[in-house]
Amino acid sequence: MADYSAIDRIYARIPKLDCQRKCQECCGPILCSAKEFERMKAASLVPLQVMGPNLTCPALVNGLCSVYAVRPLICRLWGVVREMACPFGCKPERWLADREVKRMLREMQALNKGAVDGPELRGRRSKANPAYIKLRVIP
């Protein structure tokens, strides 16, 4: 079993949010690291693949996140960063500062240096940041 303790330490620094579970329509194509993708793929109730035309998150099943316990950093930042405030009024115990978010993103990127991609990731990297991939559901 893969060791995700370094990822979990990053996640542990994210403030708690009293989520009302109303924001599923906000779950669109997401970027996640290769390690996060690997973890999500193992936990998902639906087959996941990178990139595709669907504009909703592939991990949504019947309106709920099927990988909530192992959701990636970008999903965890939703609602705790002022620029990504919840449109339904959920408030975090505190707002993350931009410098904290940037540090978490840099740390996540560093964890993925040298990660070996499976065939489903080749050529699917984000052009803006090649340490991250875009997800879609496998038809």
Protein backbone atom coordinates (compact mmCIF):
# COMPACT_ATOMS: atom_id res chain seq x y z
CA MET A 1 0.00 0.00 0.00
CA ALA A 2 1.29 3.45 -0.91
CA ASP A 3 2.31 5.89 1.80
CA TYR A 4 0.24 9.07 1.69
CA SER A 5 1.34 10.46 5.07
CA ALA A 6 3.07 13.49 3.51
CA ILE A 7 -0.13 14.37 1.63
CA ASP A 8 -2.16 13.90 4.80
CA ARG A 9 0.16 16.30 6.68
CA ILE A 10 -0.56 18.97 4.05
CA TYR A 11 -4.29 18.31 4.31
CA ALA A 12 -4.16 18.52 8.12
CA ARG A 13 -3.22 22.22 7.90
CA ILE A 14 -6.44 23.11 6.09
CA PRO A 15 -9.04 24.76 8.34
CA LYS A 16 -12.27 22.89 9.02
CA LEU A 17 -15.38 23.89 7.09
CA ASP A 18 -18.94 23.16 8.17
CA CYS A 19 -20.02 21.96 4.73
CA GLN A 20 -23.74 21.95 3.95
CA ARG A 21 -23.22 19.65 0.92
CA LYS A 22 -24.89 22.04 -1.51
CA CYS A 23 -22.01 22.87 -3.84
CA GLN A 24 -21.94 19.85 -6.18
CA GLU A 25 -22.64 22.09 -9.16
CA CYS A 26 -19.35 23.84 -8.38
CA CYS A 27 -17.44 20.56 -8.81
CA GLY A 28 -16.11 20.90 -12.31
CA PRO A 29 -13.01 19.60 -14.01
CA ILE A 30 -10.38 19.47 -11.31
CA LEU A 31 -6.62 19.44 -11.23
CA CYS A 32 -4.91 17.04 -8.88
CA SER A 33 -1.46 15.63 -8.42
CA ALA A 34 -0.51 12.21 -9.75
CA LYS A 35 -0.30 10.87 -6.20
CA GLU A 36 -3.74 12.25 -5.37
CA PHE A 37 -5.11 10.70 -8.57
CA GLU A 38 -3.62 7.33 -7.64
CA ARG A 39 -5.27 7.54 -4.21
CA MET A 40 -8.62 8.65 -5.62
CA LYS A 41 -8.59 5.96 -8.27
CA ALA A 42 -8.14 3.28 -5.60
CA ALA A 43 -11.01 4.69 -3.51
CA SER A 44 -13.45 5.62 -6.28
CA LEU A 45 -16.80 3.92 -6.79
CA VAL A 46 -16.59 4.79 -10.49
CA PRO A 47 -13.66 4.27 -12.86
CA LEU A 48 -11.67 7.49 -13.21
CA GLN A 49 -9.59 8.62 -16.14
CA VAL A 50 -7.86 11.86 -16.97
CA MET A 51 -9.32 14.61 -19.15
CA GLY A 52 -12.50 14.61 -21.09
CA PRO A 53 -15.42 16.72 -22.27
CA ASN A 54 -17.61 16.35 -19.16
CA LEU A 55 -17.71 19.56 -17.10
CA THR A 56 -18.65 17.92 -13.82
CA CYS A 57 -16.29 16.07 -11.52
CA PRO A 58 -16.03 12.39 -12.41
CA ALA A 59 -16.02 11.42 -8.73
CA LEU A 60 -19.59 12.72 -8.20
CA VAL A 61 -22.00 9.82 -7.80
CA ASN A 62 -25.66 10.66 -7.29
CA GLY A 63 -24.68 14.22 -6.37
CA LEU A 64 -22.15 13.21 -3.71
CA CYS A 65 -18.36 12.91 -3.79
CA SER A 66 -17.44 9.23 -3.99
CA VAL A 67 -13.88 9.98 -2.88
CA TYR A 68 -14.62 12.58 -0.20
CA ALA A 69 -12.22 11.06 2.37
CA VAL A 70 -9.36 11.21 -0.15
CA ARG A 71 -10.46 14.22 -2.24
CA PRO A 72 -7.56 16.24 -3.65
CA LEU A 73 -6.11 19.49 -2.36
CA ILE A 74 -8.07 21.73 -4.73
CA CYS A 75 -11.35 20.32 -3.39
CA ARG A 76 -10.21 20.76 0.19
CA LEU A 77 -9.30 24.40 -0.50
CA TRP A 78 -12.83 25.14 -1.76
CA GLY A 79 -14.57 27.31 0.81
CA VAL A 80 -11.48 28.01 2.94
CA VAL A 81 -9.80 30.42 0.51
CA ARG A 82 -11.50 33.80 0.11
CA GLU A 83 -11.20 33.65 -3.69
CA MET A 84 -12.99 30.27 -3.57
CA ALA A 85 -15.60 31.14 -0.95
CA CYS A 86 -18.64 28.88 -0.79
CA PRO A 87 -21.59 30.47 -2.61
CA PHE A 88 -23.95 28.77 -0.13
CA GLY A 89 -22.58 30.50 2.96
CA CYS A 90 -20.41 27.77 4.47
CA LYS A 91 -17.66 29.45 6.48
CA PRO A 92 -14.30 28.02 7.52
CA GLU A 93 -12.96 28.18 11.06
CA ARG A 94 -10.46 30.62 9.52
CA TRP A 95 -9.56 31.76 6.00
CA LEU A 96 -6.32 30.46 4.52
CA ALA A 97 -3.89 33.19 3.52
CA ASP A 98 -2.61 33.21 -0.06
CA ARG A 99 0.91 32.43 1.16
CA GLU A 100 -0.38 29.30 2.95
CA VAL A 101 -2.15 28.09 -0.19
CA LYS A 102 0.91 28.71 -2.36
CA ARG A 103 3.08 26.82 0.12
CA MET A 104 0.70 23.83 0.12
CA LEU A 105 0.64 23.80 -3.68
CA ARG A 106 4.46 23.93 -3.83
CA GLU A 107 4.71 21.10 -1.28
CA MET A 108 2.26 18.97 -3.22
CA GLN A 109 4.17 19.62 -6.42
CA ALA A 110 7.44 18.64 -4.72
CA LEU A 111 5.91 15.35 -3.55
CA ASN A 112 5.20 14.49 -7.17
CA LYS A 113 8.68 15.07 -8.56
CA GLY A 114 9.88 11.84 -10.03
CA ALA A 115 6.46 10.20 -9.80
CA VAL A 116 6.03 7.51 -12.41
CA ASP A 117 2.94 7.99 -14.53
CA GLY A 118 0.80 5.12 -15.64
CA PRO A 119 -0.20 4.95 -19.30
CA GLU A 120 -3.46 6.78 -18.54
CA LEU A 121 -1.50 9.91 -17.52
CA ARG A 122 0.89 10.19 -20.44
CA GLY A 123 0.13 13.29 -22.45
CA ARG A 124 -2.61 14.34 -20.01
CA ARG A 125 -0.69 16.79 -17.89
CA SER A 126 -1.94 20.30 -17.34
CA LYS A 127 -0.06 22.61 -19.67
CA ALA A 128 -0.02 25.31 -16.97
CA ASN A 129 1.45 22.96 -14.35
CA PRO A 130 2.70 19.54 -15.47
CA ALA A 131 2.64 18.16 -11.90
CA TYR A 132 -1.15 18.14 -12.08
CA ILE A 133 -3.64 16.15 -14.13
CA LYS A 134 -7.26 16.67 -15.14
CA LEU A 135 -9.85 14.01 -14.36
CA ARG A 136 -12.80 12.52 -16.20
CA VAL A 137 -14.96 9.40 -15.90
CA ILE A 138 -14.10 6.41 -18.03
CA PRO A 139 -17.17 5.73 -20.21
